[in-house]
Protein backbone atom coordinates (compact mmCIF):
# COMPACT_ATOMS: atom_id res chain seq x y z
CA MET A 1 40.76 -101.70 -16.77
CA LYS A 2 41.24 -102.15 -20.64
CA GLU A 3 41.76 -105.84 -20.20
CA ILE A 4 38.47 -106.07 -18.25
CA TYR A 5 36.59 -104.15 -20.87
CA GLU A 6 37.92 -106.38 -23.51
CA GLU A 7 36.98 -109.63 -21.59
CA VAL A 8 33.31 -108.33 -20.95
CA ALA A 9 32.91 -107.09 -24.31
CA LYS A 10 33.98 -110.55 -25.86
CA LYS A 11 31.89 -112.39 -23.34
CA LEU A 12 28.68 -110.23 -24.21
CA GLU A 13 29.67 -110.03 -27.78
CA LEU A 14 29.52 -106.11 -27.74
CA PRO A 15 32.03 -103.43 -28.78
CA VAL A 16 34.84 -102.47 -26.24
CA GLU A 17 33.69 -98.88 -26.46
CA VAL A 18 30.24 -99.74 -25.76
CA VAL A 19 31.36 -101.67 -22.42
CA GLU A 20 33.85 -99.01 -21.31
CA ALA A 21 31.08 -96.13 -21.80
CA THR A 22 28.34 -98.39 -19.93
CA TYR A 23 30.69 -98.72 -16.98
CA GLU A 24 31.81 -95.16 -16.90
CA ASN A 25 28.26 -93.85 -17.13
CA TYR A 26 26.95 -96.26 -14.43
CA TRP A 27 29.60 -94.87 -11.97
CA LYS A 28 29.06 -91.22 -13.11
CA PHE A 29 25.41 -91.65 -12.42
CA PHE A 30 26.12 -92.27 -8.73
CA LYS A 31 28.67 -89.47 -8.58
CA THR A 32 26.26 -86.93 -10.09
CA LYS A 33 23.44 -88.15 -7.74
CA ILE A 34 25.74 -87.60 -4.75
CA GLU A 35 26.96 -84.24 -6.07
CA GLU A 36 23.38 -83.08 -6.42
CA LEU A 37 22.48 -83.91 -2.74
CA PRO A 38 21.77 -80.19 -0.92
CA LEU A 39 24.38 -81.01 1.80
CA LYS A 40 24.47 -77.38 2.79
CA SER A 41 26.44 -76.69 5.99
CA ASN A 42 23.40 -76.06 8.36
CA LEU A 43 21.26 -79.00 7.87
CA THR A 44 19.32 -80.15 10.71
CA GLU A 45 18.93 -83.87 11.55
CA GLU A 46 15.44 -83.92 10.07
CA GLU A 47 16.49 -82.21 6.92
CA PHE A 48 19.10 -84.68 6.48
CA LYS A 49 16.85 -87.68 6.95
CA LYS A 50 14.71 -86.40 4.03
CA LEU A 51 17.35 -86.86 1.86
CA LYS A 52 18.28 -90.07 -0.20
CA THR A 53 21.71 -90.52 1.29
CA SER A 54 22.19 -94.28 0.45
CA PHE A 55 22.83 -96.02 -2.96
CA ASN A 56 22.87 -99.76 -3.53
CA VAL A 57 25.28 -100.98 -5.99
CA PRO A 58 24.61 -104.87 -6.93
CA SER A 59 27.49 -107.13 -6.16
CA VAL A 60 29.20 -104.13 -4.25
CA GLY A 61 27.04 -103.10 -1.48
CA LYS A 62 25.45 -100.01 -0.20
CA PHE A 63 27.02 -96.63 -0.14
CA PHE A 64 25.49 -94.47 2.49
CA ILE A 65 26.27 -91.63 5.13
CA THR A 66 24.52 -91.55 8.50
CA TRP A 67 23.72 -88.53 10.38
CA PRO A 68 26.75 -88.74 12.87
CA HIS A 69 29.04 -89.07 9.97
CA TYR A 70 27.59 -86.13 8.05
CA LYS A 71 27.75 -83.85 11.16
CA LYS A 72 31.38 -84.77 12.06
CA ILE A 73 32.45 -84.26 8.44
CA ASN A 74 30.47 -80.97 8.48
CA ASP A 75 31.98 -79.91 11.71
CA THR A 76 35.47 -80.79 10.65
CA VAL A 77 35.04 -78.63 7.29
CA GLN A 78 33.54 -75.75 9.20
CA LYS A 79 36.58 -75.85 11.73
CA TYR A 80 38.85 -75.96 8.81
CA TYR A 81 37.54 -72.82 7.23
CA GLU A 82 37.43 -70.90 10.52
CA ASP A 83 40.94 -71.81 11.24
CA LYS A 84 42.05 -70.74 7.71
CA GLU A 85 40.19 -67.42 8.20
CA ASN A 86 41.61 -66.85 11.56
CA LYS A 87 45.16 -67.55 10.08
CA ALA A 88 44.40 -64.89 7.49
CA LEU A 89 43.49 -62.48 9.99
CA VAL A 90 46.47 -63.01 12.11
CA GLN A 91 48.54 -62.80 8.88
CA GLN A 92 46.80 -59.56 7.88
CA ASN A 93 47.25 -57.90 11.25
CA SER A 94 51.03 -58.90 11.28
CA ASP A 95 51.52 -57.37 7.86
CA ASN A 96 49.94 -54.12 9.17
CA MET A 97 52.43 -53.72 12.08
């Protein structure tokens, strides 16, 4: 990445540090916005559709999540925690024997 920062800095006649900070802050903005989404585990489809779940990145494309994809991920995460909890209960019960 350093070479790219240097090339862009030279082309735009900017300090490398400014180019690097700008690039990093650009992606940090998207990361922050995505992390701020209130994607609690029991969202309804109606609640989900009210959220801004797509972000257009010029020259790259659109980052987005659809309701079916969210639902599948959410179901997988819930199953993981249920399985983890069940394994802990089984372990606890076997330790008490």
